[in-house]
Amino acid sequence: MHKNCPVCNEDFERETGYYYGAMFASYALTVIFGVVVFVIMCVVFNFDAMTYLVVFAILQLLLMPIFYRVSRLLWINIFVRYKQPLKE
């Protein structure tokens, strides 16, 4: 992650523990993703639970970096509002 935003120069290195809340956002994203995958695999296509667990574990490992970034973006967007840069 960049130290500062290239557009508005917002400092992304907050105080210690600031992104601790992003952990909860990441957990929520993972739960939502798990429910969606479960509904698609087990309810729609009638796969068994063991197949679901294996597929979900593999997908979760592959998508972990994306969930990490998205959760940090969600967390900082809760507290920091983007301001349009002034025209020069």
PDB file of N, CA and C in Angstrom:
ATOM      1  N   MET A   1       0.847  -1.170   0.000  1.00  0.00           N
ATOM      2  CA  MET A   1       0.000   0.000   0.000  1.00  0.00           C
ATOM      3  C   MET A   1       0.899   1.242   0.000  1.00  0.00           C
ATOM      4  N   HIS A   2       0.478   2.257  -0.703  1.00  0.00           N
ATOM      5  CA  HIS A   2       1.255   3.480  -0.768  1.00  0.00           C
ATOM      6  C   HIS A   2       1.241   4.201   0.590  1.00  0.00           C
ATOM      7  N   LYS A   3       2.292   4.982   0.854  1.00  0.00           N
ATOM      8  CA  LYS A   3       2.296   5.791   2.076  1.00  0.00           C
ATOM      9  C   LYS A   3       1.292   6.923   1.991  1.00  0.00           C
ATOM     10  N   ASN A   4       1.198   7.557   0.823  1.00  0.00           N
ATOM     11  CA  ASN A   4       0.268   8.664   0.606  1.00  0.00           C
ATOM     12  C   ASN A   4      -0.508   8.412  -0.673  1.00  0.00           C
ATOM     13  N   CYS A   5      -1.694   9.006  -0.742  1.00  0.00           N
ATOM     14  CA  CYS A   5      -2.518   8.914  -1.944  1.00  0.00           C
ATOM     15  C   CYS A   5      -1.862   9.734  -3.056  1.00  0.00           C
ATOM     16  N   PRO A   6      -1.721   9.168  -4.253  1.00  0.00           N
ATOM     17  CA  PRO A   6      -1.100   9.918  -5.337  1.00  0.00           C
ATOM     18  C   PRO A   6      -1.969  11.076  -5.833  1.00  0.00           C
ATOM     19  N   VAL A   7      -3.272  11.073  -5.570  1.00  0.00           N
ATOM     20  CA  VAL A   7      -4.168  12.118  -6.050  1.00  0.00           C
ATOM     21  C   VAL A   7      -4.299  13.254  -5.041  1.00  0.00           C
ATOM     22  N   CYS A   8      -4.659  12.906  -3.793  1.00  0.00           N
ATOM     23  CA  CYS A   8      -4.960  13.955  -2.809  1.00  0.00           C
ATOM     24  C   CYS A   8      -3.920  14.061  -1.694  1.00  0.00           C
ATOM     25  N   ASN A   9      -2.895  13.220  -1.726  1.00  0.00           N
ATOM     26  CA  ASN A   9      -1.810  13.212  -0.741  1.00  0.00           C
ATOM     27  C   ASN A   9      -2.293  12.866   0.671  1.00  0.00           C
ATOM     28  N   GLU A  10      -3.389  12.118   0.783  1.00  0.00           N
ATOM     29  CA  GLU A  10      -3.889  11.647   2.080  1.00  0.00           C
ATOM     30  C   GLU A  10      -2.887  10.663   2.672  1.00  0.00           C
ATOM     31  N   ASP A  11      -2.559  10.835   3.942  1.00  0.00           N
ATOM     32  CA  ASP A  11      -1.608   9.961   4.624  1.00  0.00           C
ATOM     33  C   ASP A  11      -2.294   8.651   4.995  1.00  0.00           C
ATOM     34  N   PHE A  12      -1.795   7.522   4.474  1.00  0.00           N
ATOM     35  CA  PHE A  12      -2.373   6.225   4.768  1.00  0.00           C
ATOM     36  C   PHE A  12      -1.749   5.583   6.007  1.00  0.00           C
ATOM     37  N   GLU A  13      -0.660   6.117   6.493  1.00  0.00           N
ATOM     38  CA  GLU A  13      -0.030   5.566   7.691  1.00  0.00           C
ATOM     39  C   GLU A  13      -0.606   6.279   8.906  1.00  0.00           C
ATOM     40  N   ARG A  14      -1.688   5.737   9.406  1.00  0.00           N
ATOM     41  CA  ARG A  14      -2.391   6.311  10.551  1.00  0.00           C
ATOM     42  C   ARG A  14      -1.710   5.906  11.846  1.00  0.00           C
ATOM     43  N   GLU A  15      -2.372   6.252  12.956  1.00  0.00           N
ATOM     44  CA  GLU A  15      -1.817   5.880  14.257  1.00  0.00           C
ATOM     45  C   GLU A  15      -1.808   4.358  14.407  1.00  0.00           C
ATOM     46  N   THR A  16      -1.026   3.882  15.344  1.00  0.00           N
ATOM     47  CA  THR A  16      -0.900   2.457  15.587  1.00  0.00           C
ATOM     48  C   THR A  16      -2.263   1.873  15.934  1.00  0.00           C
ATOM     49  N   GLY A  17      -2.617   0.794  15.278  1.00  0.00           N
ATOM     50  CA  GLY A  17      -3.877   0.121  15.541  1.00  0.00           C
ATOM     51  C   GLY A  17      -5.056   0.676  14.766  1.00  0.00           C
ATOM     52  N   TYR A  18      -4.838   1.649  13.907  1.00  0.00           N
ATOM     53  CA  TYR A  18      -5.952   2.239  13.165  1.00  0.00           C
ATOM     54  C   TYR A  18      -6.645   1.198  12.288  1.00  0.00           C
ATOM     55  N   TYR A  19      -5.875   0.381  11.612  1.00  0.00           N
ATOM     56  CA  TYR A  19      -6.449  -0.602  10.697  1.00  0.00           C
ATOM     57  C   TYR A  19      -6.885  -1.884  11.404  1.00  0.00           C
ATOM     58  N   TYR A  20      -6.886  -1.877  12.725  1.00  0.00           N
ATOM     59  CA  TYR A  20      -7.381  -3.032  13.482  1.00  0.00           C
ATOM     60  C   TYR A  20      -8.846  -3.292  13.144  1.00  0.00           C
ATOM     61  N   GLY A  21      -9.609  -2.244  12.939  1.00  0.00           N
ATOM     62  CA  GLY A  21     -11.011  -2.390  12.560  1.00  0.00           C
ATOM     63  C   GLY A  21     -11.188  -3.012  11.194  1.00  0.00           C
ATOM     64  N   ALA A  22     -10.185  -2.889  10.336  1.00  0.00           N
ATOM     65  CA  ALA A  22     -10.258  -3.505   9.007  1.00  0.00           C
ATOM     66  C   ALA A  22     -10.297  -5.023   9.117  1.00  0.00           C
ATOM     67  N   MET A  23      -9.791  -5.539  10.225  1.00  0.00           N
ATOM     68  CA  MET A  23      -9.859  -6.976  10.453  1.00  0.00           C
ATOM     69  C   MET A  23     -11.324  -7.431  10.530  1.00  0.00           C
ATOM     70  N   PHE A  24     -12.159  -6.620  11.171  1.00  0.00           N
ATOM     71  CA  PHE A  24     -13.574  -6.965  11.270  1.00  0.00           C
ATOM     72  C   PHE A  24     -14.264  -6.820   9.917  1.00  0.00           C
ATOM     73  N   ALA A  25     -13.854  -5.838   9.143  1.00  0.00           N
ATOM     74  CA  ALA A  25     -14.399  -5.690   7.792  1.00  0.00           C
ATOM     75  C   ALA A  25     -13.998  -6.885   6.928  1.00  0.00           C
ATOM     76  N   SER A  26     -12.773  -7.349   7.079  1.00  0.00           N
ATOM     77  CA  SER A  26     -12.308  -8.511   6.336  1.00  0.00           C
ATOM     78  C   SER A  26     -13.095  -9.757   6.744  1.00  0.00           C
ATOM     79  N   TYR A  27     -13.362  -9.886   8.038  1.00  0.00           N
ATOM     80  CA  TYR A  27     -14.160 -11.018   8.521  1.00  0.00           C
ATOM     81  C   TYR A  27     -15.557 -10.979   7.916  1.00  0.00           C
ATOM     82  N   ALA A  28     -16.164  -9.796   7.874  1.00  0.00           N
ATOM     83  CA  ALA A  28     -17.510  -9.656   7.297  1.00  0.00           C
ATOM     84  C   ALA A  28     -17.498 -10.004   5.813  1.00  0.00           C
ATOM     85  N   LEU A  29     -16.492  -9.546   5.081  1.00  0.00           N
ATOM     86  CA  LEU A  29     -16.381  -9.890   3.663  1.00  0.00           C
ATOM     87  C   LEU A  29     -16.235 -11.393   3.460  1.00  0.00           C
ATOM     88  N   THR A  30     -15.450 -12.034   4.320  1.00  0.00           N
ATOM     89  CA  THR A  30     -15.244 -13.473   4.221  1.00  0.00           C
ATOM     90  C   THR A  30     -16.531 -14.229   4.506  1.00  0.00           C
ATOM     91  N   VAL A  31     -17.285 -13.792   5.508  1.00  0.00           N
ATOM     92  CA  VAL A  31     -18.554 -14.455   5.822  1.00  0.00           C
ATOM     93  C   VAL A  31     -19.538 -14.295   4.664  1.00  0.00           C
ATOM     94  N   ILE A  32     -19.645 -13.094   4.121  1.00  0.00           N
ATOM     95  CA  ILE A  32     -20.546 -12.867   2.987  1.00  0.00           C
ATOM     96  C   ILE A  32     -20.130 -13.732   1.799  1.00  0.00           C
ATOM     97  N   PHE A  33     -18.833 -13.769   1.525  1.00  0.00           N
ATOM     98  CA  PHE A  33     -18.324 -14.592   0.433  1.00  0.00           C
ATOM     99  C   PHE A  33     -18.633 -16.065   0.677  1.00  0.00           C
ATOM    100  N   GLY A  34     -18.442 -16.528   1.909  1.00  0.00           N
ATOM    101  CA  GLY A  34     -18.722 -17.924   2.246  1.00  0.00           C
ATOM    102  C   GLY A  34     -20.184 -18.281   2.065  1.00  0.00           C
ATOM    103  N   VAL A  35     -21.070 -17.384   2.456  1.00  0.00           N
ATOM    104  CA  VAL A  35     -22.508 -17.634   2.295  1.00  0.00           C
ATOM    105  C   VAL A  35     -22.883 -17.684   0.814  1.00  0.00           C
ATOM    106  N   VAL A  36     -22.348 -16.770   0.039  1.00  0.00           N
ATOM    107  CA  VAL A  36     -22.648 -16.758  -1.400  1.00  0.00           C
ATOM    108  C   VAL A  36     -22.153 -18.041  -2.068  1.00  0.00           C
ATOM    109  N   VAL A  37     -20.922 -18.448  -1.748  1.00  0.00           N
ATOM    110  CA  VAL A  37     -20.377 -19.679  -2.330  1.00  0.00           C
ATOM    111  C   VAL A  37     -21.200 -20.880  -1.869  1.00  0.00           C
ATOM    112  N   PHE A  38     -21.620 -20.889  -0.603  1.00  0.00           N
ATOM    113  CA  PHE A  38     -22.435 -21.993  -0.090  1.00  0.00           C
ATOM    114  C   PHE A  38     -23.763 -22.082  -0.834  1.00  0.00           C
ATOM    115  N   VAL A  39     -24.419 -20.961  -1.007  1.00  0.00           N
ATOM    116  CA  VAL A  39     -25.716 -20.965  -1.701  1.00  0.00           C
ATOM    117  C   VAL A  39     -25.544 -21.432  -3.138  1.00  0.00           C
ATOM    118  N   ILE A  40     -24.508 -20.939  -3.804  1.00  0.00           N
ATOM    119  CA  ILE A  40     -24.287 -21.346  -5.191  1.00  0.00           C
ATOM    120  C   ILE A  40     -23.968 -22.834  -5.287  1.00  0.00           C
ATOM    121  N   MET A  41     -23.070 -23.324  -4.435  1.00  0.00           N
ATOM    122  CA  MET A  41     -22.627 -24.711  -4.551  1.00  0.00           C
ATOM    123  C   MET A  41     -23.615 -25.718  -3.970  1.00  0.00           C
ATOM    124  N   CYS A  42     -24.120 -25.447  -2.770  1.00  0.00           N
ATOM    125  CA  CYS A  42     -24.918 -26.458  -2.081  1.00  0.00           C
ATOM    126  C   CYS A  42     -26.407 -26.357  -2.374  1.00  0.00           C
ATOM    127  N   VAL A  43     -26.916 -25.160  -2.523  1.00  0.00           N
ATOM    128  CA  VAL A  43     -28.348 -25.010  -2.753  1.00  0.00           C
ATOM    129  C   VAL A  43     -28.675 -25.105  -4.243  1.00  0.00           C
ATOM    130  N   VAL A  44     -27.925 -24.366  -5.059  1.00  0.00           N
ATOM    131  CA  VAL A  44     -28.229 -24.341  -6.491  1.00  0.00           C
ATOM    132  C   VAL A  44     -27.736 -25.606  -7.197  1.00  0.00           C
ATOM    133  N   PHE A  45     -26.461 -25.966  -6.979  1.00  0.00           N
ATOM    134  CA  PHE A  45     -25.882 -27.096  -7.714  1.00  0.00           C
ATOM    135  C   PHE A  45     -25.828 -28.396  -6.918  1.00  0.00           C
ATOM    136  N   ASN A  46     -26.280 -28.392  -5.674  1.00  0.00           N
ATOM    137  CA  ASN A  46     -26.432 -29.594  -4.848  1.00  0.00           C
ATOM    138  C   ASN A  46     -25.117 -30.359  -4.615  1.00  0.00           C
ATOM    139  N   PHE A  47     -24.012 -29.639  -4.373  1.00  0.00           N
ATOM    140  CA  PHE A  47     -22.764 -30.282  -3.986  1.00  0.00           C
ATOM    141  C   PHE A  47     -22.833 -30.649  -2.510  1.00  0.00           C
ATOM    142  N   ASP A  48     -21.992 -31.589  -2.086  1.00  0.00           N
ATOM    143  CA  ASP A  48     -21.979 -31.947  -0.670  1.00  0.00           C
ATOM    144  C   ASP A  48     -21.120 -30.961   0.127  1.00  0.00           C
ATOM    145  N   ALA A  49     -21.215 -31.026   1.440  1.00  0.00           N
ATOM    146  CA  ALA A  49     -20.557 -30.059   2.323  1.00  0.00           C
ATOM    147  C   ALA A  49     -19.028 -30.157   2.245  1.00  0.00           C
ATOM    148  N   MET A  50     -18.505 -31.352   2.098  1.00  0.00           N
ATOM    149  CA  MET A  50     -17.045 -31.503   2.050  1.00  0.00           C
ATOM    150  C   MET A  50     -16.464 -30.830   0.802  1.00  0.00           C
ATOM    151  N   THR A  51     -17.133 -30.974  -0.319  1.00  0.00           N
ATOM    152  CA  THR A  51     -16.687 -30.307  -1.540  1.00  0.00           C
ATOM    153  C   THR A  51     -16.718 -28.800  -1.353  1.00  0.00           C
ATOM    154  N   TYR A  52     -17.789 -28.313  -0.721  1.00  0.00           N
ATOM    155  CA  TYR A  52     -17.894 -26.878  -0.439  1.00  0.00           C
ATOM    156  C   TYR A  52     -16.725 -26.402   0.420  1.00  0.00           C
ATOM    157  N   LEU A  53     -16.411 -27.137   1.479  1.00  0.00           N
ATOM    158  CA  LEU A  53     -15.324 -26.715   2.374  1.00  0.00           C
ATOM    159  C   LEU A  53     -13.988 -26.663   1.655  1.00  0.00           C
ATOM    160  N   VAL A  54     -13.714 -27.639   0.811  1.00  0.00           N
ATOM    161  CA  VAL A  54     -12.444 -27.664   0.072  1.00  0.00           C
ATOM    162  C   VAL A  54     -12.385 -26.496  -0.911  1.00  0.00           C
ATOM    163  N   VAL A  55     -13.461 -26.299  -1.669  1.00  0.00           N
ATOM    164  CA  VAL A  55     -13.479 -25.210  -2.649  1.00  0.00           C
ATOM    165  C   VAL A  55     -13.392 -23.864  -1.946  1.00  0.00           C
ATOM    166  N   PHE A  56     -14.138 -23.696  -0.856  1.00  0.00           N
ATOM    167  CA  PHE A  56     -14.103 -22.432  -0.119  1.00  0.00           C
ATOM    168  C   PHE A  56     -12.718 -22.158   0.464  1.00  0.00           C
ATOM    169  N   ALA A  57     -12.064 -23.170   1.011  1.00  0.00           N
ATOM    170  CA  ALA A  57     -10.729 -22.982   1.573  1.00  0.00           C
ATOM    171  C   ALA A  57      -9.736 -22.553   0.495  1.00  0.00           C
ATOM    172  N   ILE A  58      -9.803 -23.185  -0.662  1.00  0.00           N
ATOM    173  CA  ILE A  58      -8.889 -22.832  -1.754  1.00  0.00           C
ATOM    174  C   ILE A  58      -9.164 -21.412  -2.249  1.00  0.00           C
ATOM    175  N   LEU A  59     -10.450 -21.098  -2.464  1.00  0.00           N
ATOM    176  CA  LEU A  59     -10.795 -19.746  -2.919  1.00  0.00           C
ATOM    177  C   LEU A  59     -10.407 -18.691  -1.890  1.00  0.00           C
ATOM    178  N   GLN A  60     -10.602 -19.009  -0.629  1.00  0.00           N
ATOM    179  CA  GLN A  60     -10.256 -18.053   0.426  1.00  0.00           C
ATOM    180  C   GLN A  60      -8.751 -17.774   0.445  1.00  0.00           C
ATOM    181  N   LEU A  61      -7.948 -18.794   0.284  1.00  0.00           N
ATOM    182  CA  LEU A  61      -6.500 -18.589   0.247  1.00  0.00           C
ATOM    183  C   LEU A  61      -6.081 -17.763  -0.965  1.00  0.00           C
ATOM    184  N   LEU A  62      -6.718 -18.018  -2.104  1.00  0.00           N
ATOM    185  CA  LEU A  62      -6.369 -17.271  -3.307  1.00  0.00           C
ATOM    186  C   LEU A  62      -6.836 -15.821  -3.253  1.00  0.00           C
ATOM    187  N   LEU A  63      -7.982 -15.585  -2.627  1.00  0.00           N
ATOM    188  CA  LEU A  63      -8.560 -14.239  -2.595  1.00  0.00           C
ATOM    189  C   LEU A  63      -8.187 -13.429  -1.353  1.00  0.00           C
ATOM    190  N   MET A  64      -7.399 -14.010  -0.461  1.00  0.00           N
ATOM    191  CA  MET A  64      -7.027 -13.324   0.768  1.00  0.00           C
ATOM    192  C   MET A  64      -6.368 -11.958   0.529  1.00  0.00           C
ATOM    193  N   PRO A  65      -5.432 -11.820  -0.411  1.00  0.00           N
ATOM    194  CA  PRO A  65      -4.851 -10.485  -0.642  1.00  0.00           C
ATOM    195  C   PRO A  65      -5.881  -9.459  -1.108  1.00  0.00           C
ATOM    196  N   ILE A  66      -6.848  -9.898  -1.896  1.00  0.00           N
ATOM    197  CA  ILE A  66      -7.887  -8.975  -2.359  1.00  0.00           C
ATOM    198  C   ILE A  66      -8.770  -8.550  -1.200  1.00  0.00           C
ATOM    199  N   PHE A  67      -9.181  -9.503  -0.357  1.00  0.00           N
ATOM    200  CA  PHE A  67      -9.995  -9.172   0.811  1.00  0.00           C
ATOM    201  C   PHE A  67      -9.243  -8.240   1.759  1.00  0.00           C
ATOM    202  N   TYR A  68      -7.945  -8.446   1.884  1.00  0.00           N
ATOM    203  CA  TYR A  68      -7.121  -7.594   2.741  1.00  0.00           C
ATOM    204  C   TYR A  68      -7.151  -6.144   2.260  1.00  0.00           C
ATOM    205  N   ARG A  69      -6.942  -5.942   0.970  1.00  0.00           N
ATOM    206  CA  ARG A  69      -6.948  -4.581   0.413  1.00  0.00           C
ATOM    207  C   ARG A  69      -8.327  -3.938   0.478  1.00  0.00           C
ATOM    208  N   VAL A  70      -9.346  -4.701   0.107  1.00  0.00           N
ATOM    209  CA  VAL A  70     -10.704  -4.154   0.101  1.00  0.00           C
ATOM    210  C   VAL A  70     -11.148  -3.787   1.513  1.00  0.00           C
ATOM    211  N   SER A  71     -10.802  -4.607   2.495  1.00  0.00           N
ATOM    212  CA  SER A  71     -11.202  -4.295   3.865  1.00  0.00           C
ATOM    213  C   SER A  71     -10.510  -3.031   4.378  1.00  0.00           C
ATOM    214  N   ARG A  72      -9.246  -2.843   4.022  1.00  0.00           N
ATOM    215  CA  ARG A  72      -8.567  -1.600   4.411  1.00  0.00           C
ATOM    216  C   ARG A  72      -9.187  -0.392   3.715  1.00  0.00           C
ATOM    217  N   LEU A  73      -9.551  -0.558   2.445  1.00  0.00           N
ATOM    218  CA  LEU A  73     -10.213   0.531   1.724  1.00  0.00           C
ATOM    219  C   LEU A  73     -11.573   0.855   2.341  1.00  0.00           C
ATOM    220  N   LEU A  74     -12.336  -0.172   2.681  1.00  0.00           N
ATOM    221  CA  LEU A  74     -13.624   0.064   3.338  1.00  0.00           C
ATOM    222  C   LEU A  74     -13.447   0.800   4.651  1.00  0.00           C
ATOM    223  N   TRP A  75     -12.473   0.367   5.436  1.00  0.00           N
ATOM    224  CA  TRP A  75     -12.266   0.956   6.759  1.00  0.00           C
ATOM    225  C   TRP A  75     -11.853   2.421   6.670  1.00  0.00           C
ATOM    226  N   ILE A  76     -10.922   2.752   5.783  1.00  0.00           N
ATOM    227  CA  ILE A  76     -10.481   4.144   5.692  1.00  0.00           C
ATOM    228  C   ILE A  76     -11.571   5.021   5.077  1.00  0.00           C
ATOM    229  N   ASN A  77     -12.401   4.454   4.185  1.00  0.00           N
ATOM    230  CA  ASN A  77     -13.476   5.245   3.587  1.00  0.00           C
ATOM    231  C   ASN A  77     -14.609   5.542   4.567  1.00  0.00           C
ATOM    232  N   ILE A  78     -14.695   4.810   5.641  1.00  0.00           N
ATOM    233  CA  ILE A  78     -15.681   5.114   6.679  1.00  0.00           C
ATOM    234  C   ILE A  78     -15.313   6.424   7.373  1.00  0.00           C
ATOM    235  N   PHE A  79     -14.028   6.667   7.567  1.00  0.00           N
ATOM    236  CA  PHE A  79     -13.576   7.799   8.377  1.00  0.00           C
ATOM    237  C   PHE A  79     -13.017   8.968   7.578  1.00  0.00           C
ATOM    238  N   VAL A  80     -12.578   8.743   6.354  1.00  0.00           N
ATOM    239  CA  VAL A  80     -11.958   9.794   5.552  1.00  0.00           C
ATOM    240  C   VAL A  80     -12.800  10.007   4.307  1.00  0.00           C
ATOM    241  N   ARG A  81     -13.221  11.221   4.091  1.00  0.00           N
ATOM    242  CA  ARG A  81     -14.000  11.557   2.907  1.00  0.00           C
ATOM    243  C   ARG A  81     -13.077  12.149   1.851  1.00  0.00           C
ATOM    244  N   TYR A  82     -13.288  11.741   0.624  1.00  0.00           N
ATOM    245  CA  TYR A  82     -12.491  12.246  -0.487  1.00  0.00           C
ATOM    246  C   TYR A  82     -12.963  13.636  -0.840  1.00  0.00           C
ATOM    247  N   LYS A  83     -12.021  14.553  -0.956  1.00  0.00           N
ATOM    248  CA  LYS A  83     -12.333  15.918  -1.370  1.00  0.00           C
ATOM    249  C   LYS A  83     -11.771  16.122  -2.761  1.00  0.00           C
ATOM    250  N   GLN A  84     -12.579  16.675  -3.628  1.00  0.00           N
ATOM    251  CA  GLN A  84     -12.158  16.941  -4.990  1.00  0.00           C
ATOM    252  C   GLN A  84     -10.990  17.925  -4.966  1.00  0.00           C
ATOM    253  N   PRO A  85      -9.866  17.610  -5.659  1.00  0.00           N
ATOM    254  CA  PRO A  85      -8.747  18.551  -5.674  1.00  0.00           C
ATOM    255  C   PRO A  85      -9.135  19.857  -6.366  1.00  0.00           C
ATOM    256  N   LEU A  86      -8.536  20.933  -5.914  1.00  0.00           N
ATOM    257  CA  LEU A  86      -8.807  22.257  -6.494  1.00  0.00           C
ATOM    258  C   LEU A  86      -8.222  22.335  -7.890  1.00  0.00           C
ATOM    259  N   LYS A  87      -8.942  22.985  -8.771  1.00  0.00           N
ATOM    260  CA  LYS A  87      -8.447  23.172 -10.139  1.00  0.00           C
ATOM    261  C   LYS A  87      -7.368  24.235 -10.123  1.00  0.00           C
ATOM    262  N   GLU A  88      -6.351  23.997 -10.892  1.00  0.00           N
ATOM    263  CA  GLU A  88      -5.228  24.948 -10.918  1.00  0.00           C
ATOM    264  C   GLU A  88      -5.412  25.977 -12.001  1.00  0.00           C
TER     265      GLU A  88
END
